[in-house]
C-alpha cells in the first residue's frame, strides 16, 4: 500500500489522484508516483519547520486559520472549477514558506525522478500541499489540542509519515542526503540536484521508494 493510501485511505486517495489527473491531464499512475515522493518531502520540510519556535508558530497560525481538515471531506469537488485555482494559490503560499528559495530545485529533483516536467510537478505539489496541511489539522483536532507546541507538531508530523518511512526510508534519506552531517536534509537534496554531491538523485529516490 502506498504512502498516499496510508495517509488518506484508499477512497480519498483515489479522489485526490483523480482530481489532480483532471487538472493536469496526467495519468493516475504518474500522479501516484509523484505524490509518493512529493508528500514525504513536504511532510519532512514541515517537520523541520516545526522544530523551531518561529516555524511552529507559523504552522500553528495556518492550521487555526484555514487548515482544519475539512478539505479531506470535499476532495471530490475541491479540484474542479474556480475552487482548484484557490487550492493551487494556497499551496503556492505553503510551499513558499516551507521550502523557501529551494523550492525550484526540489521541484527539479522530483521532476528528474518522476519523468514529469517541472511545471507539472510544481502544480501537483501546490495542489497537494493544502491536503497535507489538512491532514495535519485533522490530526490536531483528533488530539483535541488547538495550541500544540513545536514538539507536539513534530510528533504529529512524524506519525503522518509513519513508522516504515521513519525507521527505514528516512534513515536512508538522512545518511545519503545529509552526508555533510549538518542536519539539513533539504539543503542536501538541493545540493544533490545541483551536482554538488556524488549520489545521483535518481538513485536516492529509487531506493527510498521501491518501485514495483
C-alpha atoms as a PDB file:
ATOM      1  CA  UNK A   1       0.000   0.000   0.000  1.00  0.00           C
ATOM      2  CA  UNK A   2       1.387   3.394  -0.962  1.00  0.00           C
ATOM      3  CA  UNK A   3       2.010   6.216   1.470  1.00  0.00           C
ATOM      4  CA  UNK A   4      -0.929   8.070  -0.118  1.00  0.00           C
ATOM      5  CA  UNK A   5      -3.319   5.252   0.776  1.00  0.00           C
ATOM      6  CA  UNK A   6      -1.797   5.021   4.235  1.00  0.00           C
ATOM      7  CA  UNK A   7      -2.383   8.718   4.853  1.00  0.00           C
ATOM      8  CA  UNK A   8      -5.775   9.234   3.226  1.00  0.00           C
ATOM      9  CA  UNK A   9      -7.341   5.811   2.934  1.00  0.00           C
ATOM     10  CA  UNK A  10      -7.900   4.194  -0.443  1.00  0.00           C
ATOM     11  CA  UNK A  11     -11.142   6.016  -1.315  1.00  0.00           C
ATOM     12  CA  UNK A  12      -9.842   9.506  -0.529  1.00  0.00           C
ATOM     13  CA  UNK A  13      -6.522   8.762  -2.200  1.00  0.00           C
ATOM     14  CA  UNK A  14      -8.376   7.778  -5.362  1.00  0.00           C
ATOM     15  CA  UNK A  15     -10.401  11.007  -5.270  1.00  0.00           C
ATOM     16  CA  UNK A  16      -7.247  13.084  -4.839  1.00  0.00           C
ATOM     17  CA  UNK A  17      -5.432  11.361  -7.685  1.00  0.00           C
ATOM     18  CA  UNK A  18      -8.484  11.569  -9.936  1.00  0.00           C
ATOM     19  CA  UNK A  19      -8.862  15.283  -9.222  1.00  0.00           C
ATOM     20  CA  UNK A  20      -5.207  16.023  -9.902  1.00  0.00           C
ATOM     21  CA  UNK A  21      -5.378  13.971 -13.092  1.00  0.00           C
ATOM     22  CA  UNK A  22      -8.323  16.017 -14.361  1.00  0.00           C
ATOM     23  CA  UNK A  23      -6.478  19.259 -13.587  1.00  0.00           C
ATOM     24  CA  UNK A  24      -3.155  18.350 -15.193  1.00  0.00           C
ATOM     25  CA  UNK A  25      -4.044  15.785 -17.853  1.00  0.00           C
ATOM     26  CA  UNK A  26      -1.514  13.370 -16.377  1.00  0.00           C
ATOM     27  CA  UNK A  27      -2.236   9.679 -15.883  1.00  0.00           C
ATOM     28  CA  UNK A  28      -3.245   8.454 -12.446  1.00  0.00           C
ATOM     29  CA  UNK A  29      -0.146   6.270 -12.276  1.00  0.00           C
ATOM     30  CA  UNK A  30       2.143   9.237 -12.967  1.00  0.00           C
ATOM     31  CA  UNK A  31       0.436  11.307 -10.292  1.00  0.00           C
ATOM     32  CA  UNK A  32       0.522   8.481  -7.761  1.00  0.00           C
ATOM     33  CA  UNK A  33       4.247   8.032  -8.331  1.00  0.00           C
ATOM     34  CA  UNK A  34       4.959  11.744  -7.974  1.00  0.00           C
ATOM     35  CA  UNK A  35       2.885  12.071  -4.796  1.00  0.00           C
ATOM     36  CA  UNK A  36       4.602   9.056  -3.246  1.00  0.00           C
ATOM     37  CA  UNK A  37       7.809  11.086  -3.407  1.00  0.00           C
ATOM     38  CA  UNK A  38       6.473  14.603  -3.036  1.00  0.00           C
ATOM     39  CA  UNK A  39       4.243  14.153   0.002  1.00  0.00           C
ATOM     40  CA  UNK A  40       7.028  12.750   2.232  1.00  0.00           C
ATOM     41  CA  UNK A  41       9.255  15.662   1.193  1.00  0.00           C
ATOM     42  CA  UNK A  42       6.501  18.133   2.149  1.00  0.00           C
ATOM     43  CA  UNK A  43       5.956  16.364   5.468  1.00  0.00           C
ATOM     44  CA  UNK A  44       9.664  16.322   6.218  1.00  0.00           C
ATOM     45  CA  UNK A  45      10.005  20.014   5.392  1.00  0.00           C
ATOM     46  CA  UNK A  46       7.057  20.796   7.664  1.00  0.00           C
ATOM     47  CA  UNK A  47       8.655  18.742  10.414  1.00  0.00           C
ATOM     48  CA  UNK A  48      11.872  20.699  10.009  1.00  0.00           C
ATOM     49  CA  UNK A  49       9.979  23.978  10.199  1.00  0.00           C
ATOM     50  CA  UNK A  50       8.105  22.811  13.285  1.00  0.00           C
ATOM     51  CA  UNK A  51      11.437  22.241  15.002  1.00  0.00           C
ATOM     52  CA  UNK A  52      11.827  25.954  15.703  1.00  0.00           C
ATOM     53  CA  UNK A  53       9.551  28.112  17.814  1.00  0.00           C
ATOM     54  CA  UNK A  54       9.042  30.564  14.951  1.00  0.00           C
ATOM     55  CA  UNK A  55       8.346  27.823  12.431  1.00  0.00           C
ATOM     56  CA  UNK A  56       5.925  26.031  14.739  1.00  0.00           C
ATOM     57  CA  UNK A  57       4.076  29.298  15.350  1.00  0.00           C
ATOM     58  CA  UNK A  58       3.717  29.842  11.609  1.00  0.00           C
ATOM     59  CA  UNK A  59       2.333  26.355  11.064  1.00  0.00           C
ATOM     60  CA  UNK A  60       0.003  26.730  14.026  1.00  0.00           C
ATOM     61  CA  UNK A  61      -1.319  30.016  12.645  1.00  0.00           C
ATOM     62  CA  UNK A  62      -2.038  28.387   9.284  1.00  0.00           C
ATOM     63  CA  UNK A  63      -3.847  25.490  10.951  1.00  0.00           C
ATOM     64  CA  UNK A  64      -6.004  27.769  13.077  1.00  0.00           C
ATOM     65  CA  UNK A  65      -6.995  29.995  10.152  1.00  0.00           C
ATOM     66  CA  UNK A  66      -7.983  27.553   7.424  1.00  0.00           C
ATOM     67  CA  UNK A  67      -6.437  24.093   7.578  1.00  0.00           C
ATOM     68  CA  UNK A  68      -8.771  22.250   9.926  1.00  0.00           C
ATOM     69  CA  UNK A  69      -9.003  19.093   7.835  1.00  0.00           C
ATOM     70  CA  UNK A  70     -12.315  19.921   6.163  1.00  0.00           C
ATOM     71  CA  UNK A  71     -10.662  19.734   2.742  1.00  0.00           C
ATOM     72  CA  UNK A  72     -10.469  15.967   3.210  1.00  0.00           C
ATOM     73  CA  UNK A  73     -14.274  15.810   3.127  1.00  0.00           C
ATOM     74  CA  UNK A  74     -14.545  17.594  -0.211  1.00  0.00           C
ATOM     75  CA  UNK A  75     -11.843  16.029  -2.358  1.00  0.00           C
ATOM     76  CA  UNK A  76     -14.438  15.088  -4.963  1.00  0.00           C
ATOM     77  CA  UNK A  77     -15.281  18.723  -5.693  1.00  0.00           C
ATOM     78  CA  UNK A  78     -12.343  20.789  -4.487  1.00  0.00           C
ATOM     79  CA  UNK A  79     -10.301  20.235  -7.646  1.00  0.00           C
ATOM     80  CA  UNK A  80     -12.937  21.499 -10.043  1.00  0.00           C
ATOM     81  CA  UNK A  81     -13.689  24.950 -11.401  1.00  0.00           C
ATOM     82  CA  UNK A  82     -12.574  28.049  -9.528  1.00  0.00           C
ATOM     83  CA  UNK A  83     -12.058  26.043  -6.332  1.00  0.00           C
ATOM     84  CA  UNK A  84      -8.989  24.435  -7.886  1.00  0.00           C
ATOM     85  CA  UNK A  85      -7.447  27.855  -8.503  1.00  0.00           C
ATOM     86  CA  UNK A  86      -7.865  28.723  -4.840  1.00  0.00           C
ATOM     87  CA  UNK A  87      -6.301  25.448  -3.726  1.00  0.00           C
ATOM     88  CA  UNK A  88      -3.334  25.973  -6.032  1.00  0.00           C
ATOM     89  CA  UNK A  89      -2.775  29.513  -4.755  1.00  0.00           C
ATOM     90  CA  UNK A  90      -2.945  28.307  -1.170  1.00  0.00           C
ATOM     91  CA  UNK A  91      -0.446  25.569  -1.967  1.00  0.00           C
ATOM     92  CA  UNK A  92       1.894  28.085  -3.555  1.00  0.00           C
ATOM     93  CA  UNK A  93       1.975  30.014  -0.280  1.00  0.00           C
ATOM     94  CA  UNK A  94       2.525  26.857   1.769  1.00  0.00           C
ATOM     95  CA  UNK A  95       5.431  25.641  -0.349  1.00  0.00           C
ATOM     96  CA  UNK A  96       6.970  29.093  -0.345  1.00  0.00           C
ATOM     97  CA  UNK A  97       7.041  29.046   3.443  1.00  0.00           C
ATOM     98  CA  UNK A  98       8.350  25.521   3.966  1.00  0.00           C
ATOM     99  CA  UNK A  99      10.807  25.273   1.037  1.00  0.00           C
ATOM    100  CA  UNK A 100      11.839  28.911   0.763  1.00  0.00           C
ATOM    101  CA  UNK A 101      14.250  29.697  -2.066  1.00  0.00           C
ATOM    102  CA  UNK A 102      14.970  25.983  -2.536  1.00  0.00           C
ATOM    103  CA  UNK A 103      11.536  25.234  -3.935  1.00  0.00           C
ATOM    104  CA  UNK A 104      12.602  25.273  -7.587  1.00  0.00           C
ATOM    105  CA  UNK A 105      15.491  22.877  -7.034  1.00  0.00           C
ATOM    106  CA  UNK A 106      13.326  20.480  -5.041  1.00  0.00           C
ATOM    107  CA  UNK A 107      10.756  20.507  -7.850  1.00  0.00           C
ATOM    108  CA  UNK A 108      13.510  19.794 -10.369  1.00  0.00           C
ATOM    109  CA  UNK A 109      14.698  16.868  -8.260  1.00  0.00           C
ATOM    110  CA  UNK A 110      11.227  15.353  -8.254  1.00  0.00           C
ATOM    111  CA  UNK A 111      10.900  16.079 -11.969  1.00  0.00           C
ATOM    112  CA  UNK A 112      14.120  14.226 -12.724  1.00  0.00           C
ATOM    113  CA  UNK A 113      12.960  11.156 -10.863  1.00  0.00           C
ATOM    114  CA  UNK A 114       9.308  11.082 -11.910  1.00  0.00           C
ATOM    115  CA  UNK A 115       9.821  11.962 -15.564  1.00  0.00           C
ATOM    116  CA  UNK A 116       7.193  14.706 -15.342  1.00  0.00           C
ATOM    117  CA  UNK A 117       8.142  18.191 -16.453  1.00  0.00           C
ATOM    118  CA  UNK A 118       8.988  20.658 -13.704  1.00  0.00           C
ATOM    119  CA  UNK A 119       5.935  22.830 -14.366  1.00  0.00           C
ATOM    120  CA  UNK A 120       3.614  19.867 -13.849  1.00  0.00           C
ATOM    121  CA  UNK A 121       5.468  18.827 -10.705  1.00  0.00           C
ATOM    122  CA  UNK A 122       5.101  22.376  -9.431  1.00  0.00           C
ATOM    123  CA  UNK A 123       1.330  22.344  -9.975  1.00  0.00           C
ATOM    124  CA  UNK A 124       0.910  18.937  -8.368  1.00  0.00           C
ATOM    125  CA  UNK A 125       2.884  19.915  -5.292  1.00  0.00           C
ATOM    126  CA  UNK A 126       0.896  23.145  -4.957  1.00  0.00           C
ATOM    127  CA  UNK A 127      -2.396  21.256  -5.075  1.00  0.00           C
ATOM    128  CA  UNK A 128      -1.180  18.513  -2.744  1.00  0.00           C
ATOM    129  CA  UNK A 129       0.195  20.871  -0.080  1.00  0.00           C
ATOM    130  CA  UNK A 130      -3.215  22.034   1.259  1.00  0.00           C
ATOM    131  CA  UNK A 131      -4.263  18.386   1.538  1.00  0.00           C
ATOM    132  CA  UNK A 132      -1.151  17.644   3.590  1.00  0.00           C
ATOM    133  CA  UNK A 133      -1.943  20.628   5.807  1.00  0.00           C
ATOM    134  CA  UNK A 134      -5.488  19.316   6.112  1.00  0.00           C
ATOM    135  CA  UNK A 135      -4.126  16.008   7.355  1.00  0.00           C
ATOM    136  CA  UNK A 136      -2.085  17.853   9.953  1.00  0.00           C
ATOM    137  CA  UNK A 137      -5.112  19.895  11.012  1.00  0.00           C
ATOM    138  CA  UNK A 138      -7.241  16.775  11.287  1.00  0.00           C
ATOM    139  CA  UNK A 139      -4.651  15.094  13.485  1.00  0.00           C
ATOM    140  CA  UNK A 140      -4.530  18.159  15.699  1.00  0.00           C
ATOM    141  CA  UNK A 141      -8.310  18.188  16.112  1.00  0.00           C
ATOM    142  CA  UNK A 142      -8.350  14.486  16.908  1.00  0.00           C
ATOM    143  CA  UNK A 143      -5.892  15.152  19.693  1.00  0.00           C
ATOM    144  CA  UNK A 144      -8.198  17.957  20.865  1.00  0.00           C
ATOM    145  CA  UNK A 145      -5.317  20.368  21.099  1.00  0.00           C
ATOM    146  CA  UNK A 146      -5.669  23.741  19.393  1.00  0.00           C
ATOM    147  CA  UNK A 147      -2.303  25.060  20.542  1.00  0.00           C
ATOM    148  CA  UNK A 148       0.341  22.398  20.057  1.00  0.00           C
ATOM    149  CA  UNK A 149       3.922  23.435  20.724  1.00  0.00           C
ATOM    150  CA  UNK A 150       6.759  22.604  18.354  1.00  0.00           C
ATOM    151  CA  UNK A 151       7.301  19.198  19.946  1.00  0.00           C
ATOM    152  CA  UNK A 152       3.650  18.296  19.548  1.00  0.00           C
ATOM    153  CA  UNK A 153       3.628  19.367  15.912  1.00  0.00           C
ATOM    154  CA  UNK A 154       6.788  17.385  15.196  1.00  0.00           C
ATOM    155  CA  UNK A 155       5.233  14.315  16.796  1.00  0.00           C
ATOM    156  CA  UNK A 156       2.086  14.617  14.695  1.00  0.00           C
ATOM    157  CA  UNK A 157       4.122  15.056  11.520  1.00  0.00           C
ATOM    158  CA  UNK A 158       6.186  12.016  12.444  1.00  0.00           C
ATOM    159  CA  UNK A 159       3.018   9.979  12.890  1.00  0.00           C
ATOM    160  CA  UNK A 160       1.764  11.077   9.473  1.00  0.00           C
ATOM    161  CA  UNK A 161       4.951   9.892   7.789  1.00  0.00           C
ATOM    162  CA  UNK A 162       4.647   6.536   9.541  1.00  0.00           C
ATOM    163  CA  UNK A 163       6.986   4.048  11.136  1.00  0.00           C
ATOM    164  CA  UNK A 164       8.198   2.447   7.910  1.00  0.00           C
ATOM    165  CA  UNK A 165       9.418   5.711   6.443  1.00  0.00           C
ATOM    166  CA  UNK A 166      10.716   6.985   9.768  1.00  0.00           C
ATOM    167  CA  UNK A 167      12.701   3.849  10.597  1.00  0.00           C
ATOM    168  CA  UNK A 168      13.895   2.710   7.179  1.00  0.00           C
ATOM    169  CA  UNK A 169      13.470   5.136   4.320  1.00  0.00           C
ATOM    170  CA  UNK A 170      14.130   8.236   6.372  1.00  0.00           C
ATOM    171  CA  UNK A 171      17.354   6.745   7.754  1.00  0.00           C
ATOM    172  CA  UNK A 172      18.492   6.261   4.160  1.00  0.00           C
ATOM    173  CA  UNK A 173      17.311   9.783   3.366  1.00  0.00           C
ATOM    174  CA  UNK A 174      19.314  11.091   6.308  1.00  0.00           C
ATOM    175  CA  UNK A 175      22.517   9.195   5.509  1.00  0.00           C
ATOM    176  CA  UNK A 176      22.588   9.962   1.774  1.00  0.00           C
ATOM    177  CA  UNK A 177      21.105  13.449   1.564  1.00  0.00           C
ATOM    178  CA  UNK A 178      22.576  14.718   4.817  1.00  0.00           C
ATOM    179  CA  UNK A 179      26.054  13.472   4.043  1.00  0.00           C
ATOM    180  CA  UNK A 180      27.715  16.562   5.483  1.00  0.00           C
ATOM    181  CA  UNK A 181      26.045  15.827   8.852  1.00  0.00           C
ATOM    182  CA  UNK A 182      24.746  19.345   9.298  1.00  0.00           C
ATOM    183  CA  UNK A 183      21.204  18.169   9.877  1.00  0.00           C
ATOM    184  CA  UNK A 184      19.796  19.931   6.845  1.00  0.00           C
ATOM    185  CA  UNK A 185      18.156  17.340   4.619  1.00  0.00           C
ATOM    186  CA  UNK A 186      16.534  19.885   2.327  1.00  0.00           C
ATOM    187  CA  UNK A 187      19.892  21.603   1.797  1.00  0.00           C
ATOM    188  CA  UNK A 188      21.490  18.339   0.753  1.00  0.00           C
ATOM    189  CA  UNK A 189      18.591  17.458  -1.525  1.00  0.00           C
ATOM    190  CA  UNK A 190      19.225  20.738  -3.313  1.00  0.00           C
ATOM    191  CA  UNK A 191      22.992  20.152  -3.434  1.00  0.00           C
ATOM    192  CA  UNK A 192      22.429  16.718  -4.952  1.00  0.00           C
ATOM    193  CA  UNK A 193      20.286  18.170  -7.735  1.00  0.00           C
ATOM    194  CA  UNK A 194      22.864  20.883  -8.333  1.00  0.00           C
ATOM    195  CA  UNK A 195      25.566  18.237  -8.791  1.00  0.00           C
ATOM    196  CA  UNK A 196      27.481  19.094  -5.644  1.00  0.00           C
ATOM    197  CA  UNK A 197      27.203  15.562  -4.275  1.00  0.00           C
ATOM    198  CA  UNK A 198      28.227  12.320  -5.914  1.00  0.00           C
ATOM    199  CA  UNK A 199      24.991  10.466  -5.244  1.00  0.00           C
ATOM    200  CA  UNK A 200      22.501  10.823  -8.078  1.00  0.00           C
ATOM    201  CA  UNK A 201      19.006  11.947  -7.206  1.00  0.00           C
ATOM    202  CA  UNK A 202      17.523   9.128  -9.280  1.00  0.00           C
ATOM    203  CA  UNK A 203      19.323   6.541  -7.176  1.00  0.00           C
ATOM    204  CA  UNK A 204      18.333   8.307  -3.972  1.00  0.00           C
ATOM    205  CA  UNK A 205      14.619   8.354  -4.701  1.00  0.00           C
ATOM    206  CA  UNK A 206      14.709   4.978  -6.413  1.00  0.00           C
ATOM    207  CA  UNK A 207      15.981   3.343  -3.247  1.00  0.00           C
ATOM    208  CA  UNK A 208      13.728   5.368  -0.951  1.00  0.00           C
ATOM    209  CA  UNK A 209      10.525   4.488  -2.753  1.00  0.00           C
ATOM    210  CA  UNK A 210      10.870   0.939  -4.025  1.00  0.00           C
ATOM    211  CA  UNK A 211       9.233   0.847  -7.410  1.00  0.00           C
ATOM    212  CA  UNK A 212       7.261  -2.251  -8.240  1.00  0.00           C
END
